[in-house]
């Protein structure tokens, strides 16, 4: 049997999981959600979801991942199969392979925007756009491939290819020499740059007014179901639970290594980055420089508008604006890298552990598939390709997969065995109340979220409620109806899921359950 890799240290896996969680959601999505849904009051449903949803699901994924790793399985199909002993469970695990891939197909393109704008900040072009009030135009031209570099090559395409090479270069070095090493560099850098911006914002005259707006609670917002749904969604988005990445990362730790305290440590690092740093920079700064009257409009521009339009303009009004812009986009780029390499690893581990391929072949295969679909996302941006990938990979499969994990842990594996496995090698004593939470509260909470989300947002997107049948899009000089493009794209994504399940069927037909690694 091929010897699997292990993390070289406990700190290495904690940083890797924290790096997986710390991303754009911490510094862009969270402050907008908090400012929109009650300020300080938003922290109440957020912290409740953190305790009964985020931490328990993180424990579930760390525990199931370590358990699967004992049997030399590093992705959801194998882990679900060995955990439950049920033949059907491995097919549910296909969501833990395809779901992260769907996220990766668009996430890396957005990640490459950050590298591009770091370059623009460094060269002064971004500051020039701020002075001319053309930042929105610069961003729009960039993502639609109108801005060029090097004799006509679209700038966005150049930085995408560079980012793609960096990502798969890291993954090619493996768990220890690649993923672990980059996180040991990137995580301290992210916190260092974040704290630099944090301190700079706190020294701005009048910042108390901005902090007051951000964190003064509007308790009336707690009566709105939408606020609770958004808080729970933020936990999913920011903690990387329900993706399958933590499941895979945990499979590479040793069989008696602590998972309880390690999981809490990574959760705490993510929470600090989100609430303390992310919640202190953007909205308070915007209020000081633009005024309270404009903050509602600022919050409505969305994550991309806030990150690529508003923030450069805000920093541009401050001394050393170009440097602050560079720090901002470099911070986000490294946060993006630590997340993107984590969401591609489940697919690589699937080919290595389940299909039996060597590491190099697995990485090259996933790289080839990713490149093709990523380019479809790049050129199909106007047709809604990124929206589709974000919905099916970054929203739908997250909630469904997280619900499956919680049920398998508490009701199929069984809470007695699950609780025992969670506490094996633990460096802390977990309060027994969490046994009740894991068995009842978390699964029920997830089912309610899934149903409520489908009613309020999901179904309308699935049936293309917002798409006019007569709308057309132009992709690579080809004009087609938007409905046709979206339908075709969805069929392609479905084909990926079917292909994964066919591979699972064929692999398990030839290979019996692996023996427990001693």
Protein backbone atom coordinates (compact mmCIF):
# COMPACT_ATOMS: atom_id res chain seq x y z
CA UNK A 1 0.00 0.00 0.00
CA UNK A 2 1.31 3.46 -0.93
CA UNK A 3 2.42 5.52 2.06
CA UNK A 4 0.28 8.65 2.41
CA UNK A 5 1.73 12.02 3.40
CA UNK A 6 1.26 13.55 6.83
CA UNK A 7 1.48 17.14 7.94
CA UNK A 8 4.93 17.76 9.40
CA UNK A 9 3.54 19.51 12.48
CA UNK A 10 0.36 20.28 14.37
CA UNK A 11 0.87 23.98 13.63
CA UNK A 12 1.09 23.17 9.93
CA UNK A 13 -2.37 21.65 9.70
CA UNK A 14 -3.92 24.38 11.90
CA UNK A 15 -2.48 27.07 9.64
CA UNK A 16 -3.58 25.18 6.53
CA UNK A 17 -7.18 24.86 7.73
CA UNK A 18 -7.21 28.47 8.93
CA UNK A 19 -5.80 29.50 5.55
CA UNK A 20 -8.57 27.57 3.83
CA UNK A 21 -11.16 29.54 5.80
CA UNK A 22 -9.60 33.01 5.73
CA UNK A 23 -10.43 34.53 2.36
CA UNK A 24 -12.47 37.20 0.63
CA UNK A 25 -15.47 36.52 2.86
CA UNK A 26 -13.60 37.75 5.94
CA UNK A 27 -12.55 41.11 4.56
CA UNK A 28 -15.36 41.93 2.13
CA UNK A 29 -18.51 39.89 2.64
CA UNK A 30 -18.67 39.99 6.45
CA UNK A 31 -18.47 43.79 6.95
CA UNK A 32 -21.14 44.36 4.30
CA UNK A 33 -23.47 41.80 5.88
CA UNK A 34 -22.92 43.22 9.36
CA UNK A 35 -23.53 46.81 8.24
CA UNK A 36 -26.63 45.82 6.29
CA UNK A 37 -28.22 43.54 8.88
CA UNK A 38 -28.15 45.32 12.21
CA UNK A 39 -24.52 46.26 12.90
CA UNK A 40 -23.56 44.94 16.32
CA UNK A 41 -26.85 43.05 16.54
CA UNK A 42 -25.73 40.94 13.57
CA UNK A 43 -23.13 39.39 15.86
CA UNK A 44 -25.88 37.71 17.91
CA UNK A 45 -27.18 35.36 15.17
CA UNK A 46 -23.62 35.18 13.81
CA UNK A 47 -22.18 33.91 17.11
CA UNK A 48 -25.10 31.55 17.65
CA UNK A 49 -24.50 30.07 14.20
CA UNK A 50 -20.78 29.96 14.98
CA UNK A 51 -21.41 27.87 18.11
CA UNK A 52 -24.18 25.52 16.92
CA UNK A 53 -23.22 25.31 13.25
CA UNK A 54 -19.64 26.39 12.51
CA UNK A 55 -17.71 24.78 15.36
CA UNK A 56 -19.71 21.52 15.37
CA UNK A 57 -19.38 21.13 11.59
CA UNK A 58 -15.66 21.84 11.82
CA UNK A 59 -15.37 19.12 14.49
CA UNK A 60 -17.38 16.76 12.29
CA UNK A 61 -15.11 17.34 9.28
CA UNK A 62 -11.88 17.07 11.28
CA UNK A 63 -13.10 13.86 12.92
CA UNK A 64 -14.42 12.19 9.77
CA UNK A 65 -11.32 13.25 7.85
CA UNK A 66 -8.92 11.76 10.42
CA UNK A 67 -11.04 8.59 10.57
CA UNK A 68 -10.93 8.23 6.78
CA UNK A 69 -7.20 8.90 6.75
CA UNK A 70 -6.65 5.86 8.96
CA UNK A 71 -8.00 3.83 6.05
CA UNK A 72 -5.91 5.77 3.50
CA UNK A 73 -8.88 7.74 2.16
CA UNK A 74 -8.51 11.48 1.65
CA UNK A 75 -11.70 12.55 -0.12
CA UNK A 76 -15.40 12.41 0.69
CA UNK A 77 -16.39 9.27 -1.31
CA UNK A 78 -13.85 7.05 0.44
CA UNK A 79 -14.32 8.70 3.83
CA UNK A 80 -18.12 8.40 3.71
CA UNK A 81 -17.82 4.77 2.60
CA UNK A 82 -15.47 3.73 5.39
CA UNK A 83 -17.23 5.79 8.07
CA UNK A 84 -20.70 4.41 7.38
CA UNK A 85 -19.94 1.00 5.90
CA UNK A 86 -22.85 1.69 3.53
CA UNK A 87 -22.34 1.26 -0.24
CA UNK A 88 -24.55 4.24 -1.09
CA UNK A 89 -22.61 6.69 1.08
CA UNK A 90 -19.70 6.97 -1.33
CA UNK A 91 -21.98 8.44 -4.01
CA UNK A 92 -23.09 11.20 -1.63
CA UNK A 93 -19.40 11.92 -1.24
CA UNK A 94 -19.16 12.92 -4.90
CA UNK A 95 -20.47 16.33 -3.84
CA UNK A 96 -17.33 16.71 -1.75
CA UNK A 97 -15.23 16.37 -4.91
CA UNK A 98 -17.29 18.17 -7.55
CA UNK A 99 -18.57 20.94 -5.24
CA UNK A 100 -15.08 22.30 -4.46
CA UNK A 101 -14.14 22.04 -8.14
CA UNK A 102 -17.10 24.23 -9.10
CA UNK A 103 -15.94 26.83 -6.58
CA UNK A 104 -12.38 26.64 -7.87
CA UNK A 105 -13.43 27.16 -11.48
CA UNK A 106 -14.49 30.75 -10.72
CA UNK A 107 -12.64 31.51 -7.47
CA UNK A 108 -9.23 31.42 -9.12
CA UNK A 109 -10.34 33.95 -11.76
CA UNK A 110 -11.46 36.36 -9.04
CA UNK A 111 -8.23 35.63 -7.18
CA UNK A 112 -6.29 36.64 -10.29
CA UNK A 113 -8.08 40.02 -10.31
CA UNK A 114 -6.43 40.70 -6.96
CA UNK A 115 -2.99 40.01 -8.42
CA UNK A 116 -3.76 42.29 -11.35
CA UNK A 117 -4.89 45.14 -9.12
CA UNK A 118 -1.85 44.66 -6.88
CA UNK A 119 0.16 45.35 -10.01
CA UNK A 120 -1.92 48.41 -10.86
CA UNK A 121 -1.44 49.72 -7.31
CA UNK A 122 2.31 49.14 -7.52
CA UNK A 123 2.65 50.92 -10.86
CA UNK A 124 0.45 53.86 -9.81
CA UNK A 125 -2.17 53.20 -12.50
CA UNK A 126 -4.82 52.50 -9.86
CA UNK A 127 -4.10 55.78 -8.05
CA UNK A 128 -4.30 57.60 -11.37
CA UNK A 129 -7.75 56.06 -11.94
CA UNK A 130 -8.79 57.23 -8.45
CA UNK A 131 -7.77 60.81 -9.27
CA UNK A 132 -9.68 60.65 -12.56
CA UNK A 133 -12.71 58.94 -10.90
CA UNK A 134 -12.41 56.08 -13.41
CA UNK A 135 -11.82 53.16 -11.02
CA UNK A 136 -15.16 51.56 -11.97
CA UNK A 137 -14.27 51.88 -15.63
CA UNK A 138 -10.82 50.35 -15.02
CA UNK A 139 -12.35 47.41 -13.18
CA UNK A 140 -15.09 46.88 -15.77
CA UNK A 141 -12.64 46.93 -18.68
CA UNK A 142 -10.30 44.60 -16.81
CA UNK A 143 -12.79 41.81 -16.08
CA UNK A 144 -14.32 42.02 -19.58
CA UNK A 145 -10.86 41.51 -21.13
CA UNK A 146 -10.69 44.99 -22.69
CA UNK A 147 -7.56 46.07 -20.81
CA UNK A 148 -4.42 44.70 -22.46
CA UNK A 149 -0.77 44.03 -21.63
CA UNK A 150 2.20 42.81 -23.67
CA UNK A 151 1.18 43.51 -27.25
CA UNK A 152 -2.53 43.08 -26.92
CA UNK A 153 -2.90 40.19 -24.48
CA UNK A 154 -5.86 40.82 -22.14
CA UNK A 155 -4.49 41.78 -18.72
CA UNK A 156 -7.07 39.65 -16.92
CA UNK A 157 -6.06 36.60 -18.97
CA UNK A 158 -2.36 37.15 -18.26
CA UNK A 159 -2.84 37.43 -14.49
CA UNK A 160 -5.26 34.49 -14.55
CA UNK A 161 -2.64 32.24 -16.20
CA UNK A 162 0.01 33.44 -13.74
CA UNK A 163 -2.29 32.77 -10.77
CA UNK A 164 -3.21 29.36 -12.19
CA UNK A 165 0.48 28.40 -12.47
CA UNK A 166 1.14 29.55 -8.90
CA UNK A 167 -1.78 27.52 -7.56
CA UNK A 168 -0.91 24.25 -9.25
CA UNK A 169 2.78 24.81 -8.64
CA UNK A 170 2.04 24.81 -4.90
CA UNK A 171 -0.25 21.78 -5.14
CA UNK A 172 2.36 19.95 -7.22
CA UNK A 173 4.78 20.03 -4.28
CA UNK A 174 2.27 18.10 -2.17
CA UNK A 175 0.92 18.48 1.35
CA UNK A 176 4.13 19.12 3.28
CA UNK A 177 6.38 20.94 0.81
CA UNK A 178 3.58 22.77 -0.95
CA UNK A 179 0.39 23.48 0.95
CA UNK A 180 1.89 23.45 4.44
CA UNK A 181 4.87 25.63 3.51
CA UNK A 182 2.85 28.30 1.70
CA UNK A 183 0.43 28.55 4.63
CA UNK A 184 3.31 28.96 7.06
CA UNK A 185 4.36 31.99 5.01
CA UNK A 186 0.98 33.34 3.89
CA UNK A 187 -0.98 33.21 7.17
CA UNK A 188 1.51 35.33 9.18
CA UNK A 189 1.73 37.70 6.20
CA UNK A 190 -2.06 38.01 5.98
CA UNK A 191 -2.33 38.86 9.67
CA UNK A 192 0.63 41.24 9.49
CA UNK A 193 -0.82 43.18 6.55
CA UNK A 194 -4.31 43.07 8.07
CA UNK A 195 -3.08 44.44 11.38
CA UNK A 196 -1.14 47.18 9.54
CA UNK A 197 -4.37 48.33 7.88
CA UNK A 198 -6.25 47.85 11.15
CA UNK A 199 -3.84 50.15 13.01
CA UNK A 200 -3.84 52.71 10.19
CA UNK A 201 -7.63 52.90 10.21
CA UNK A 202 -7.76 53.28 14.00
CA UNK A 203 -5.46 56.32 13.78
CA UNK A 204 -7.78 58.24 11.44
CA UNK A 205 -9.46 61.22 13.13
CA UNK A 206 -13.15 60.53 13.68
CA UNK A 207 -12.89 56.75 13.39
CA UNK A 208 -14.98 56.37 16.56
CA UNK A 209 -17.95 57.59 14.56
CA UNK A 210 -17.37 54.85 11.97
CA UNK A 211 -16.89 52.15 14.58
CA UNK A 212 -20.02 53.34 16.36
CA UNK A 213 -22.10 52.96 13.21
CA UNK A 214 -20.63 49.55 12.47
CA UNK A 215 -21.10 48.05 15.89
CA UNK A 216 -24.01 49.91 17.53
CA UNK A 217 -26.70 47.23 17.58
CA UNK A 218 -30.06 47.56 15.87
CA UNK A 219 -31.91 44.91 17.83
CA UNK A 220 -35.07 45.29 15.76
CA UNK A 221 -33.23 43.51 12.93
CA UNK A 222 -33.26 40.29 14.99
CA UNK A 223 -37.00 39.99 14.31
CA UNK A 224 -36.29 39.49 10.60
CA UNK A 225 -35.74 35.84 9.50
CA UNK A 226 -33.50 37.10 6.67
CA UNK A 227 -30.91 38.30 9.21
CA UNK A 228 -30.62 34.85 10.79
CA UNK A 229 -30.38 33.21 7.39
CA UNK A 230 -27.65 35.63 6.29
CA UNK A 231 -25.68 35.08 9.51
CA UNK A 232 -25.80 31.31 9.04
CA UNK A 233 -24.83 31.66 5.39
CA UNK A 234 -21.86 33.78 6.39
CA UNK A 235 -20.64 31.03 8.72
CA UNK A 236 -20.76 28.53 5.86
CA UNK A 237 -19.06 30.93 3.48
CA UNK A 238 -16.27 31.99 5.79
CA UNK A 239 -15.36 28.83 7.73
CA UNK A 240 -14.98 26.54 4.71
CA UNK A 241 -17.36 24.00 6.23
CA UNK A 242 -19.46 21.97 3.83
CA UNK A 243 -16.84 22.20 1.08
CA UNK A 244 -14.86 19.04 1.74
CA UNK A 245 -11.48 20.77 2.08
CA UNK A 246 -11.24 20.34 5.85
CA UNK A 247 -12.31 16.72 5.41
CA UNK A 248 -9.37 16.17 3.07
CA UNK A 249 -6.85 18.17 5.09
CA UNK A 250 -7.74 16.24 8.26
CA UNK A 251 -7.13 12.93 6.49
CA UNK A 252 -3.42 13.75 6.43
CA UNK A 253 -3.04 14.03 10.21
CA UNK A 254 -1.88 11.09 12.32
CA UNK A 255 -4.49 8.73 13.73
CA UNK A 256 -4.18 9.84 17.39
CA UNK A 257 -3.44 13.52 16.74
CA UNK A 258 -5.76 16.04 18.42
CA UNK A 259 -8.62 17.36 16.31
CA UNK A 260 -10.77 19.10 18.94
CA UNK A 261 -8.36 21.86 19.98
CA UNK A 262 -6.79 22.12 16.53
CA UNK A 263 -10.22 22.73 15.02
CA UNK A 264 -11.04 25.39 17.62
CA UNK A 265 -7.69 27.10 17.00
CA UNK A 266 -8.32 27.40 13.27
CA UNK A 267 -11.89 28.59 13.90
CA UNK A 268 -10.61 31.25 16.32
CA UNK A 269 -8.02 32.49 13.83
CA UNK A 270 -10.71 32.82 11.18
CA UNK A 271 -13.07 34.61 13.56
CA UNK A 272 -10.38 37.10 14.60
CA UNK A 273 -9.55 37.89 10.97
CA UNK A 274 -13.22 38.37 10.16
CA UNK A 275 -14.74 40.19 13.12
CA UNK A 276 -11.80 42.17 14.47
CA UNK A 277 -9.81 43.00 11.33
CA UNK A 278 -12.43 42.76 8.55
CA UNK A 279 -15.14 44.41 10.65
CA UNK A 280 -12.90 47.34 11.57
CA UNK A 281 -11.45 48.35 8.21
CA UNK A 282 -13.99 48.82 5.44
CA UNK A 283 -17.28 50.23 6.72
CA UNK A 284 -15.80 52.44 9.50
CA UNK A 285 -13.28 53.85 7.02
CA UNK A 286 -16.01 54.51 4.47
CA UNK A 287 -18.11 56.38 7.02
CA UNK A 288 -15.23 58.63 8.07
CA UNK A 289 -14.27 59.54 4.51
CA UNK A 290 -17.65 59.49 2.74
CA UNK A 291 -20.10 60.14 5.58
CA UNK A 292 -22.93 58.14 7.15
CA UNK A 293 -25.40 59.26 4.50
CA UNK A 294 -23.48 57.39 1.79
CA UNK A 295 -22.72 54.18 3.67
CA UNK A 296 -25.95 52.46 2.60
CA UNK A 297 -25.04 52.99 -1.04
CA UNK A 298 -21.50 51.76 -0.33
CA UNK A 299 -22.85 48.56 1.22
CA UNK A 300 -25.10 47.97 -1.78
CA UNK A 301 -22.31 47.90 -4.37
CA UNK A 302 -21.65 44.27 -3.48
CA UNK A 303 -18.49 42.38 -2.64
CA UNK A 304 -16.68 43.08 -5.92
CA UNK A 305 -17.73 46.71 -6.09
CA UNK A 306 -16.60 47.22 -2.52
CA UNK A 307 -13.26 45.47 -2.94
CA UNK A 308 -12.24 46.76 -6.37
CA UNK A 309 -14.00 50.14 -6.62
CA UNK A 310 -14.72 51.56 -3.17
CA UNK A 311 -11.61 50.47 -1.28
CA UNK A 312 -9.09 51.85 -3.83
CA UNK A 313 -10.98 55.15 -3.73
CA UNK A 314 -10.96 55.17 0.07
CA UNK A 315 -7.23 54.46 0.33
CA UNK A 316 -6.61 56.97 -2.45
CA UNK A 317 -7.85 59.74 -0.18
CA UNK A 318 -5.23 58.90 2.44
CA UNK A 319 -1.48 59.61 2.62
CA UNK A 320 0.60 56.88 0.94
CA UNK A 321 -2.54 55.81 -0.88
CA UNK A 322 -0.77 53.66 -3.49
CA UNK A 323 1.04 51.74 -0.76
CA UNK A 324 -2.21 51.14 1.13
CA UNK A 325 -3.89 49.96 -2.08
CA UNK A 326 -1.00 47.57 -2.70
CA UNK A 327 -1.19 46.22 0.85
CA UNK A 328 -4.96 45.75 0.49
CA UNK A 329 -4.84 43.73 -2.74
CA UNK A 330 -1.76 41.77 -1.69
CA UNK A 331 -3.51 40.82 1.56
CA UNK A 332 -6.56 39.62 -0.37
CA UNK A 333 -4.45 37.78 -2.95
CA UNK A 334 -2.63 35.71 -0.34
CA UNK A 335 -5.93 35.06 1.44
CA UNK A 336 -7.28 33.87 -1.90
CA UNK A 337 -4.34 31.53 -2.54
CA UNK A 338 -4.60 29.77 0.83
CA UNK A 339 -8.29 29.18 0.11
CA UNK A 340 -8.03 28.13 -3.54
CA UNK A 341 -5.35 25.49 -2.99
CA UNK A 342 -7.50 23.95 -0.28
CA UNK A 343 -10.58 23.62 -2.47
CA UNK A 344 -8.66 21.90 -5.29
CA UNK A 345 -6.97 19.35 -3.00
CA UNK A 346 -10.07 17.11 -2.51
CA UNK A 347 -10.14 16.35 -6.23
CA UNK A 348 -6.40 15.60 -6.28
CA UNK A 349 -6.74 13.35 -3.22
CA UNK A 350 -9.68 11.57 -4.86
CA UNK A 351 -7.59 10.59 -7.88
CA UNK A 352 -4.66 9.57 -5.66
CA UNK A 353 -6.48 7.64 -2.95
CA UNK A 354 -9.56 6.29 -4.70
CA UNK A 355 -8.45 5.94 -8.31
CA UNK A 356 -4.89 5.02 -7.36
CA UNK A 357 -3.03 7.50 -9.59
CA UNK A 358 0.34 9.00 -8.72
CA UNK A 359 0.49 12.56 -7.42
CA UNK A 360 1.91 14.09 -10.60
CA UNK A 361 -0.69 12.51 -12.87
CA UNK A 362 -3.50 13.51 -10.49
CA UNK A 363 -2.36 17.13 -10.36
CA UNK A 364 -1.93 17.42 -14.13
CA UNK A 365 -5.36 15.88 -14.79
CA UNK A 366 -7.14 18.27 -12.43
CA UNK A 367 -5.09 21.16 -13.81
CA UNK A 368 -6.14 20.33 -17.37
CA UNK A 369 -9.82 20.02 -16.46
CA UNK A 370 -9.68 23.20 -14.39
CA UNK A 371 -8.00 25.19 -17.15
CA UNK A 372 -10.70 24.30 -19.67
CA UNK A 373 -13.64 25.12 -17.40
CA UNK A 374 -11.94 28.21 -15.94
CA UNK A 375 -11.54 29.60 -19.46
CA UNK A 376 -15.24 28.96 -20.07
CA UNK A 377 -15.93 30.96 -16.90
CA UNK A 378 -13.57 33.73 -18.01
CA UNK A 379 -15.06 34.15 -21.47
CA UNK A 380 -18.60 33.33 -20.33
CA UNK A 381 -18.69 35.98 -17.59
CA UNK A 382 -21.37 38.01 -19.37
CA UNK A 383 -23.47 34.88 -19.79
CA UNK A 384 -23.59 34.22 -16.05
CA UNK A 385 -21.02 31.43 -15.83
CA UNK A 386 -19.57 32.69 -12.55
CA UNK A 387 -23.04 33.16 -11.06
CA UNK A 388 -23.86 29.56 -11.96
CA UNK A 389 -20.65 28.18 -10.47
CA UNK A 390 -21.12 30.27 -7.33
CA UNK A 391 -24.71 29.07 -6.87
CA UNK A 392 -24.18 25.35 -7.46
CA UNK A 393 -20.70 25.09 -5.95
CA UNK A 394 -20.47 27.94 -3.48
CA UNK A 395 -23.99 27.87 -2.08
CA UNK A 396 -26.18 24.88 -2.93
CA UNK A 397 -23.65 22.05 -2.58
CA UNK A 398 -22.16 23.67 0.55
CA UNK A 399 -25.41 23.53 2.49
CA UNK A 400 -26.44 20.11 1.14
CA UNK A 401 -23.02 18.56 1.76
CA UNK A 402 -22.79 20.06 5.26
CA UNK A 403 -26.21 18.62 6.09
CA UNK A 404 -25.14 15.19 4.82
CA UNK A 405 -21.97 15.30 6.94
CA UNK A 406 -23.84 16.22 10.11
CA UNK A 407 -26.40 13.41 9.62
CA UNK A 408 -23.77 10.79 8.77
CA UNK A 409 -21.70 11.72 11.82
CA UNK A 410 -24.53 11.80 14.37
CA UNK A 411 -26.99 9.25 13.02
CA UNK A 412 -25.23 6.82 10.67
CA UNK A 413 -21.81 6.53 12.29
CA UNK A 414 -23.68 7.17 15.55
CA UNK A 415 -23.17 9.88 18.14
CA UNK A 416 -21.53 7.42 20.59
CA UNK A 417 -18.84 6.38 18.14
CA UNK A 418 -18.55 9.88 16.67
CA UNK A 419 -18.14 11.48 20.10
CA UNK A 420 -15.50 8.91 21.05
CA UNK A 421 -13.59 9.49 17.83
CA UNK A 422 -13.75 13.28 18.27
CA UNK A 423 -12.30 13.02 21.77
CA UNK A 424 -9.53 10.57 20.82
CA UNK A 425 -6.22 12.34 21.41
CA UNK A 426 -8.03 15.53 22.38
CA UNK A 427 -6.06 18.20 24.25
CA UNK A 428 -9.24 19.74 25.67
CA UNK A 429 -12.32 18.44 27.41
CA UNK A 430 -15.30 19.21 25.21
CA UNK A 431 -18.45 20.07 27.23
CA UNK A 432 -21.01 17.27 26.95
CA UNK A 433 -23.64 19.78 25.86
CA UNK A 434 -21.99 19.61 22.44
CA UNK A 435 -22.88 15.95 22.23
CA UNK A 436 -26.53 17.06 22.22
CA UNK A 437 -25.73 19.90 19.80
CA UNK A 438 -23.99 17.53 17.37
CA UNK A 439 -26.79 14.98 17.47
CA UNK A 440 -29.83 17.23 17.33
CA UNK A 441 -29.23 20.98 17.06
CA UNK A 442 -26.74 21.10 14.18
CA UNK A 443 -28.60 18.69 11.83
CA UNK A 444 -31.97 20.35 12.51
CA UNK A 445 -30.45 23.82 12.13
CA UNK A 446 -28.97 22.81 8.78
CA UNK A 447 -32.22 21.34 7.49
CA UNK A 448 -34.09 24.51 8.45
CA UNK A 449 -31.46 26.66 6.72
CA UNK A 450 -31.65 24.52 3.59
CA UNK A 451 -35.45 24.74 3.39
CA UNK A 452 -35.58 28.46 4.22
CA UNK A 453 -32.86 29.28 1.73
CA UNK A 454 -34.58 27.32 -1.05
CA UNK A 455 -37.83 29.16 -0.39
CA UNK A 456 -36.31 32.66 -0.20
CA UNK A 457 -33.50 32.56 -2.78
CA UNK A 458 -32.69 29.17 -4.26
CA UNK A 459 -35.77 28.22 -6.23
CA UNK A 460 -35.95 31.49 -8.13
CA UNK A 461 -32.37 31.04 -9.34
CA UNK A 462 -32.92 27.40 -10.30
CA UNK A 463 -35.92 28.23 -12.52
CA UNK A 464 -34.12 31.26 -14.05
CA UNK A 465 -36.66 33.66 -12.67
CA UNK A 466 -34.46 36.69 -13.33
CA UNK A 467 -33.50 35.78 -16.91
CA UNK A 468 -35.45 37.20 -19.84
CA UNK A 469 -35.93 34.47 -22.52
CA UNK A 470 -35.05 36.98 -25.22
CA UNK A 471 -31.75 38.09 -23.64
CA UNK A 472 -28.62 37.29 -25.65
CA UNK A 473 -24.91 37.21 -24.77
CA UNK A 474 -21.82 37.37 -26.94
CA UNK A 475 -19.08 34.87 -26.12
CA UNK A 476 -15.97 34.75 -28.32
CA UNK A 477 -17.83 36.59 -31.09
CA UNK A 478 -20.69 34.08 -30.91
CA UNK A 479 -24.11 35.53 -30.01
CA UNK A 480 -26.50 33.11 -28.31
CA UNK A 481 -29.51 33.31 -26.06
CA UNK A 482 -28.58 33.59 -22.40
CA UNK A 483 -31.08 30.86 -21.46
CA UNK A 484 -29.41 28.50 -23.93
CA UNK A 485 -25.95 29.26 -22.55
CA UNK A 486 -26.99 28.77 -18.92
CA UNK A 487 -28.89 25.56 -19.69
CA UNK A 488 -25.93 24.15 -21.63
CA UNK A 489 -23.56 25.12 -18.84
CA UNK A 490 -25.78 23.43 -16.25
CA UNK A 491 -25.88 20.25 -18.32
CA UNK A 492 -22.09 20.29 -18.46
CA UNK A 493 -21.87 20.64 -14.66
CA UNK A 494 -24.34 17.79 -14.28
CA UNK A 495 -22.19 15.69 -16.61
CA UNK A 496 -19.20 16.33 -14.32
CA UNK A 497 -21.16 15.05 -11.33
CA UNK A 498 -22.34 11.97 -13.24
CA UNK A 499 -18.78 11.28 -14.44
CA UNK A 500 -17.51 11.44 -10.86
CA UNK A 501 -20.11 8.89 -9.76
CA UNK A 502 -19.30 6.60 -12.70
CA UNK A 503 -15.63 6.67 -11.67
CA UNK A 504 -16.63 5.92 -8.08
CA UNK A 505 -18.73 2.96 -9.22
CA UNK A 506 -15.94 1.50 -11.36
CA UNK A 507 -13.25 2.02 -8.73
CA UNK A 508 -15.21 0.31 -5.96
CA UNK A 509 -16.18 -2.51 -8.26
CA UNK A 510 -12.50 -3.38 -8.61
CA UNK A 511 -11.20 -2.43 -5.19
CA UNK A 512 -12.61 -3.64 -1.86
CA UNK A 513 -12.66 -1.58 1.32
CA UNK A 514 -9.10 -0.78 2.33
CA UNK A 515 -7.81 -2.28 5.57
CA UNK A 516 -7.21 -0.05 8.56
CA UNK A 517 -3.72 1.45 8.57
CA UNK A 518 -1.83 0.30 11.65
